[in-house]
């Protein structure tokens, strides 16, 4: 059976983007807020939470 690591690639991509943004911020290349530097870590979580809440609201409405 083939091992499916699709979810891990998303996590790795988010961490790599975060580390790149931190390096750019610390070297003075970008002047973004730390909220935007850390966005690759928290935006997917917020998006998932919003989708779950919407799904629960839809299920409650039609059941």
PDB file of N, CA and C in Angstrom:
ATOM      1  N   UNK A   1       0.844  -1.176   0.000  1.00  0.00           N
ATOM      2  CA  UNK A   1       0.000   0.000   0.000  1.00  0.00           C
ATOM      3  C   UNK A   1       0.889   1.238   0.000  1.00  0.00           C
ATOM      4  N   UNK A   2       0.510   2.207  -0.782  1.00  0.00           N
ATOM      5  CA  UNK A   2       1.287   3.441  -0.924  1.00  0.00           C
ATOM      6  C   UNK A   2       0.973   4.397   0.227  1.00  0.00           C
ATOM      7  N   UNK A   3       2.017   5.005   0.793  1.00  0.00           N
ATOM      8  CA  UNK A   3       1.858   5.962   1.891  1.00  0.00           C
ATOM      9  C   UNK A   3       1.507   7.328   1.314  1.00  0.00           C
ATOM     10  N   UNK A   4       0.442   7.938   1.815  1.00  0.00           N
ATOM     11  CA  UNK A   4      -0.024   9.235   1.318  1.00  0.00           C
ATOM     12  C   UNK A   4       0.450  10.344   2.257  1.00  0.00           C
ATOM     13  N   UNK A   5       1.380  11.181   1.778  1.00  0.00           N
ATOM     14  CA  UNK A   5       1.951  12.250   2.595  1.00  0.00           C
ATOM     15  C   UNK A   5       1.537  13.636   2.111  1.00  0.00           C
ATOM     16  N   UNK A   6       0.380  13.756   1.477  1.00  0.00           N
ATOM     17  CA  UNK A   6      -0.044  15.037   0.914  1.00  0.00           C
ATOM     18  C   UNK A   6      -0.192  16.092   2.003  1.00  0.00           C
ATOM     19  N   UNK A   7      -0.754  15.745   3.143  1.00  0.00           N
ATOM     20  CA  UNK A   7      -0.939  16.694   4.237  1.00  0.00           C
ATOM     21  C   UNK A   7       0.368  17.217   4.788  1.00  0.00           C
ATOM     22  N   UNK A   8       1.381  16.381   4.793  1.00  0.00           N
ATOM     23  CA  UNK A   8       2.683  16.796   5.316  1.00  0.00           C
ATOM     24  C   UNK A   8       3.333  17.845   4.437  1.00  0.00           C
ATOM     25  N   UNK A   9       3.107  17.769   3.141  1.00  0.00           N
ATOM     26  CA  UNK A   9       3.710  18.754   2.233  1.00  0.00           C
ATOM     27  C   UNK A   9       3.184  20.153   2.511  1.00  0.00           C
ATOM     28  N   UNK A  10       1.913  20.262   2.861  1.00  0.00           N
ATOM     29  CA  UNK A  10       1.345  21.565   3.199  1.00  0.00           C
ATOM     30  C   UNK A  10       1.972  22.144   4.456  1.00  0.00           C
ATOM     31  N   UNK A  11       2.200  21.302   5.445  1.00  0.00           N
ATOM     32  CA  UNK A  11       2.822  21.753   6.692  1.00  0.00           C
ATOM     33  C   UNK A  11       4.265  22.168   6.431  1.00  0.00           C
ATOM     34  N   UNK A  12       4.976  21.368   5.656  1.00  0.00           N
ATOM     35  CA  UNK A  12       6.368  21.695   5.334  1.00  0.00           C
ATOM     36  C   UNK A  12       6.443  23.013   4.569  1.00  0.00           C
ATOM     37  N   UNK A  13       5.535  23.204   3.614  1.00  0.00           N
ATOM     38  CA  UNK A  13       5.521  24.451   2.851  1.00  0.00           C
ATOM     39  C   UNK A  13       5.274  25.650   3.763  1.00  0.00           C
ATOM     40  N   UNK A  14       4.328  25.524   4.694  1.00  0.00           N
ATOM     41  CA  UNK A  14       4.029  26.626   5.612  1.00  0.00           C
ATOM     42  C   UNK A  14       5.233  26.957   6.486  1.00  0.00           C
ATOM     43  N   UNK A  15       5.914  25.947   6.984  1.00  0.00           N
ATOM     44  CA  UNK A  15       7.073  26.182   7.838  1.00  0.00           C
ATOM     45  C   UNK A  15       8.214  26.803   7.040  1.00  0.00           C
ATOM     46  N   UNK A  16       8.439  26.327   5.818  1.00  0.00           N
ATOM     47  CA  UNK A  16       9.502  26.896   4.978  1.00  0.00           C
ATOM     48  C   UNK A  16       9.207  28.355   4.654  1.00  0.00           C
ATOM     49  N   UNK A  17       7.966  28.670   4.292  1.00  0.00           N
ATOM     50  CA  UNK A  17       7.599  30.065   4.035  1.00  0.00           C
ATOM     51  C   UNK A  17       7.807  30.926   5.274  1.00  0.00           C
ATOM     52  N   UNK A  18       7.402  30.412   6.420  1.00  0.00           N
ATOM     53  CA  UNK A  18       7.587  31.151   7.672  1.00  0.00           C
ATOM     54  C   UNK A  18       9.063  31.429   7.927  1.00  0.00           C
ATOM     55  N   UNK A  19       9.906  30.428   7.760  1.00  0.00           N
ATOM     56  CA  UNK A  19      11.339  30.622   7.992  1.00  0.00           C
ATOM     57  C   UNK A  19      11.955  31.602   6.999  1.00  0.00           C
ATOM     58  N   UNK A  20      11.506  31.548   5.745  1.00  0.00           N
ATOM     59  CA  UNK A  20      11.992  32.512   4.749  1.00  0.00           C
ATOM     60  C   UNK A  20      11.577  33.929   5.132  1.00  0.00           C
ATOM     61  N   UNK A  21      10.314  34.092   5.536  1.00  0.00           N
ATOM     62  CA  UNK A  21       9.827  35.415   5.932  1.00  0.00           C
ATOM     63  C   UNK A  21      10.578  35.936   7.155  1.00  0.00           C
ATOM     64  N   UNK A  22      10.866  35.061   8.121  1.00  0.00           N
ATOM     65  CA  UNK A  22      11.619  35.477   9.313  1.00  0.00           C
ATOM     66  C   UNK A  22      13.015  35.933   8.914  1.00  0.00           C
ATOM     67  N   UNK A  23      13.661  35.173   8.046  1.00  0.00           N
ATOM     68  CA  UNK A  23      15.011  35.551   7.607  1.00  0.00           C
ATOM     69  C   UNK A  23      14.989  36.895   6.883  1.00  0.00           C
ATOM     70  N   UNK A  24      13.997  37.086   6.016  1.00  0.00           N
ATOM     71  CA  UNK A  24      13.896  38.365   5.304  1.00  0.00           C
ATOM     72  C   UNK A  24      13.611  39.519   6.255  1.00  0.00           C
ATOM     73  N   UNK A  25      12.789  39.281   7.257  1.00  0.00           N
ATOM     74  CA  UNK A  25      12.472  40.323   8.237  1.00  0.00           C
ATOM     75  C   UNK A  25      13.712  40.677   9.064  1.00  0.00           C
ATOM     76  N   UNK A  26      14.443  39.674   9.516  1.00  0.00           N
ATOM     77  CA  UNK A  26      15.604  39.922  10.369  1.00  0.00           C
ATOM     78  C   UNK A  26      16.765  40.552   9.617  1.00  0.00           C
ATOM     79  N   UNK A  27      16.823  40.333   8.310  1.00  0.00           N
ATOM     80  CA  UNK A  27      17.885  40.959   7.518  1.00  0.00           C
ATOM     81  C   UNK A  27      17.482  42.326   6.993  1.00  0.00           C
ATOM     82  N   UNK A  28      16.244  42.734   7.239  1.00  0.00           N
ATOM     83  CA  UNK A  28      15.794  44.057   6.845  1.00  0.00           C
ATOM     84  C   UNK A  28      15.332  44.164   5.402  1.00  0.00           C
ATOM     85  N   UNK A  29      15.148  43.045   4.727  1.00  0.00           N
ATOM     86  CA  UNK A  29      14.699  43.069   3.335  1.00  0.00           C
ATOM     87  C   UNK A  29      13.224  43.448   3.253  1.00  0.00           C
ATOM     88  N   UNK A  30      12.438  42.980   4.206  1.00  0.00           N
ATOM     89  CA  UNK A  30      11.015  43.329   4.243  1.00  0.00           C
ATOM     90  C   UNK A  30      10.716  44.000   5.579  1.00  0.00           C
ATOM     91  N   UNK A  31       9.700  44.834   5.583  1.00  0.00           N
ATOM     92  CA  UNK A  31       9.315  45.557   6.802  1.00  0.00           C
ATOM     93  C   UNK A  31       7.883  45.207   7.202  1.00  0.00           C
ATOM     94  N   UNK A  32       7.515  43.965   6.998  1.00  0.00           N
ATOM     95  CA  UNK A  32       6.162  43.529   7.320  1.00  0.00           C
ATOM     96  C   UNK A  32       5.979  43.412   8.823  1.00  0.00           C
ATOM     97  N   UNK A  33       4.709  43.452   9.234  1.00  0.00           N
ATOM     98  CA  UNK A  33       4.359  43.186  10.620  1.00  0.00           C
ATOM     99  C   UNK A  33       4.620  41.710  10.919  1.00  0.00           C
ATOM    100  N   UNK A  34       4.876  41.427  12.207  1.00  0.00           N
ATOM    101  CA  UNK A  34       5.100  40.030  12.583  1.00  0.00           C
ATOM    102  C   UNK A  34       3.851  39.169  12.374  1.00  0.00           C
ATOM    103  N   UNK A  35       2.678  39.791  12.362  1.00  0.00           N
ATOM    104  CA  UNK A  35       1.449  39.046  12.052  1.00  0.00           C
ATOM    105  C   UNK A  35       1.529  38.454  10.649  1.00  0.00           C
ATOM    106  N   UNK A  36       2.023  39.235   9.689  1.00  0.00           N
ATOM    107  CA  UNK A  36       2.128  38.742   8.315  1.00  0.00           C
ATOM    108  C   UNK A  36       3.284  37.766   8.144  1.00  0.00           C
ATOM    109  N   UNK A  37       4.321  37.933   8.937  1.00  0.00           N
ATOM    110  CA  UNK A  37       5.440  36.989   8.897  1.00  0.00           C
ATOM    111  C   UNK A  37       4.964  35.606   9.330  1.00  0.00           C
ATOM    112  N   UNK A  38       4.130  35.577  10.352  1.00  0.00           N
ATOM    113  CA  UNK A  38       3.643  34.297  10.877  1.00  0.00           C
ATOM    114  C   UNK A  38       2.374  33.808  10.178  1.00  0.00           C
ATOM    115  N   UNK A  39       1.891  34.534   9.198  1.00  0.00           N
ATOM    116  CA  UNK A  39       0.650  34.166   8.502  1.00  0.00           C
ATOM    117  C   UNK A  39       0.663  32.755   7.907  1.00  0.00           C
ATOM    118  N   UNK A  40       1.765  32.264   7.336  1.00  0.00           N
ATOM    119  CA  UNK A  40       1.729  30.894   6.807  1.00  0.00           C
ATOM    120  C   UNK A  40       1.405  29.839   7.868  1.00  0.00           C
ATOM    121  N   UNK A  41       1.582  30.169   9.129  1.00  0.00           N
ATOM    122  CA  UNK A  41       1.286  29.217  10.196  1.00  0.00           C
ATOM    123  C   UNK A  41      -0.164  29.298  10.664  1.00  0.00           C
ATOM    124  N   UNK A  42      -0.736  30.512  10.749  1.00  0.00           N
ATOM    125  CA  UNK A  42      -2.068  30.623  11.329  1.00  0.00           C
ATOM    126  C   UNK A  42      -3.193  30.778  10.316  1.00  0.00           C
ATOM    127  N   UNK A  43      -2.930  31.233   9.120  1.00  0.00           N
ATOM    128  CA  UNK A  43      -4.011  31.415   8.136  1.00  0.00           C
ATOM    129  C   UNK A  43      -4.693  30.082   7.787  1.00  0.00           C
ATOM    130  N   UNK A  44      -3.959  29.006   7.528  1.00  0.00           N
ATOM    131  CA  UNK A  44      -4.654  27.743   7.241  1.00  0.00           C
ATOM    132  C   UNK A  44      -5.511  27.259   8.411  1.00  0.00           C
ATOM    133  N   UNK A  45      -5.068  27.502   9.634  1.00  0.00           N
ATOM    134  CA  UNK A  45      -5.862  27.094  10.791  1.00  0.00           C
ATOM    135  C   UNK A  45      -7.152  27.891  10.899  1.00  0.00           C
ATOM    136  N   UNK A  46      -7.058  29.191  10.684  1.00  0.00           N
ATOM    137  CA  UNK A  46      -8.248  30.046  10.734  1.00  0.00           C
ATOM    138  C   UNK A  46      -9.216  29.668   9.622  1.00  0.00           C
ATOM    139  N   UNK A  47      -8.695  29.424   8.425  1.00  0.00           N
ATOM    140  CA  UNK A  47      -9.543  29.024   7.300  1.00  0.00           C
ATOM    141  C   UNK A  47     -10.261  27.708   7.598  1.00  0.00           C
ATOM    142  N   UNK A  48      -9.546  26.737   8.147  1.00  0.00           N
ATOM    143  CA  UNK A  48     -10.150  25.453   8.494  1.00  0.00           C
ATOM    144  C   UNK A  48     -11.222  25.627   9.554  1.00  0.00           C
ATOM    145  N   UNK A  49     -10.956  26.457  10.535  1.00  0.00           N
ATOM    146  CA  UNK A  49     -11.937  26.703  11.587  1.00  0.00           C
ATOM    147  C   UNK A  49     -13.205  27.345  11.026  1.00  0.00           C
ATOM    148  N   UNK A  50     -13.057  28.310  10.133  1.00  0.00           N
ATOM    149  CA  UNK A  50     -14.214  28.966   9.524  1.00  0.00           C
ATOM    150  C   UNK A  50     -15.028  27.966   8.703  1.00  0.00           C
ATOM    151  N   UNK A  51     -14.368  27.126   7.930  1.00  0.00           N
ATOM    152  CA  UNK A  51     -15.070  26.128   7.123  1.00  0.00           C
ATOM    153  C   UNK A  51     -15.814  25.144   8.020  1.00  0.00           C
ATOM    154  N   UNK A  52     -15.200  24.714   9.110  1.00  0.00           N
ATOM    155  CA  UNK A  52     -15.869  23.788  10.036  1.00  0.00           C
ATOM    156  C   UNK A  52     -17.098  24.429  10.675  1.00  0.00           C
ATOM    157  N   UNK A  53     -16.981  25.690  11.073  1.00  0.00           N
ATOM    158  CA  UNK A  53     -18.125  26.379  11.671  1.00  0.00           C
ATOM    159  C   UNK A  53     -19.252  26.519  10.656  1.00  0.00           C
ATOM    160  N   UNK A  54     -18.920  26.877   9.417  1.00  0.00           N
ATOM    161  CA  UNK A  54     -19.951  26.989   8.378  1.00  0.00           C
ATOM    162  C   UNK A  54     -20.620  25.644   8.113  1.00  0.00           C
ATOM    163  N   UNK A  55     -19.844  24.577   8.078  1.00  0.00           N
ATOM    164  CA  UNK A  55     -20.426  23.248   7.868  1.00  0.00           C
ATOM    165  C   UNK A  55     -21.370  22.879   9.005  1.00  0.00           C
ATOM    166  N   UNK A  56     -20.965  23.170  10.236  1.00  0.00           N
ATOM    167  CA  UNK A  56     -21.846  22.881  11.370  1.00  0.00           C
ATOM    168  C   UNK A  56     -23.130  23.699  11.308  1.00  0.00           C
ATOM    169  N   UNK A  57     -23.034  24.955  10.922  1.00  0.00           N
ATOM    170  CA  UNK A  57     -24.239  25.782  10.796  1.00  0.00           C
ATOM    171  C   UNK A  57     -25.168  25.258   9.707  1.00  0.00           C
ATOM    172  N   UNK A  58     -24.611  24.828   8.602  1.00  0.00           N
ATOM    173  CA  UNK A  58     -25.427  24.281   7.507  1.00  0.00           C
ATOM    174  C   UNK A  58     -26.081  22.974   7.931  1.00  0.00           C
ATOM    175  N   UNK A  59     -25.346  22.126   8.622  1.00  0.00           N
ATOM    176  CA  UNK A  59     -25.910  20.848   9.083  1.00  0.00           C
ATOM    177  C   UNK A  59     -27.044  21.096  10.061  1.00  0.00           C
ATOM    178  N   UNK A  60     -26.862  22.028  10.984  1.00  0.00           N
ATOM    179  CA  UNK A  60     -27.931  22.326  11.951  1.00  0.00           C
ATOM    180  C   UNK A  60     -29.163  22.923  11.268  1.00  0.00           C
ATOM    181  N   UNK A  61     -28.923  23.720  10.261  1.00  0.00           N
ATOM    182  CA  UNK A  61     -30.050  24.364   9.574  1.00  0.00           C
ATOM    183  C   UNK A  61     -30.916  23.348   8.838  1.00  0.00           C
ATOM    184  N   UNK A  62     -30.302  22.348   8.231  1.00  0.00           N
ATOM    185  CA  UNK A  62     -31.047  21.397   7.404  1.00  0.00           C
ATOM    186  C   UNK A  62     -31.322  20.066   8.089  1.00  0.00           C
ATOM    187  N   UNK A  63     -31.103  19.978   9.388  1.00  0.00           N
ATOM    188  CA  UNK A  63     -31.436  18.723  10.069  1.00  0.00           C
ATOM    189  C   UNK A  63     -32.534  18.915  11.089  1.00  0.00           C
TER     190      UNK A  63
END
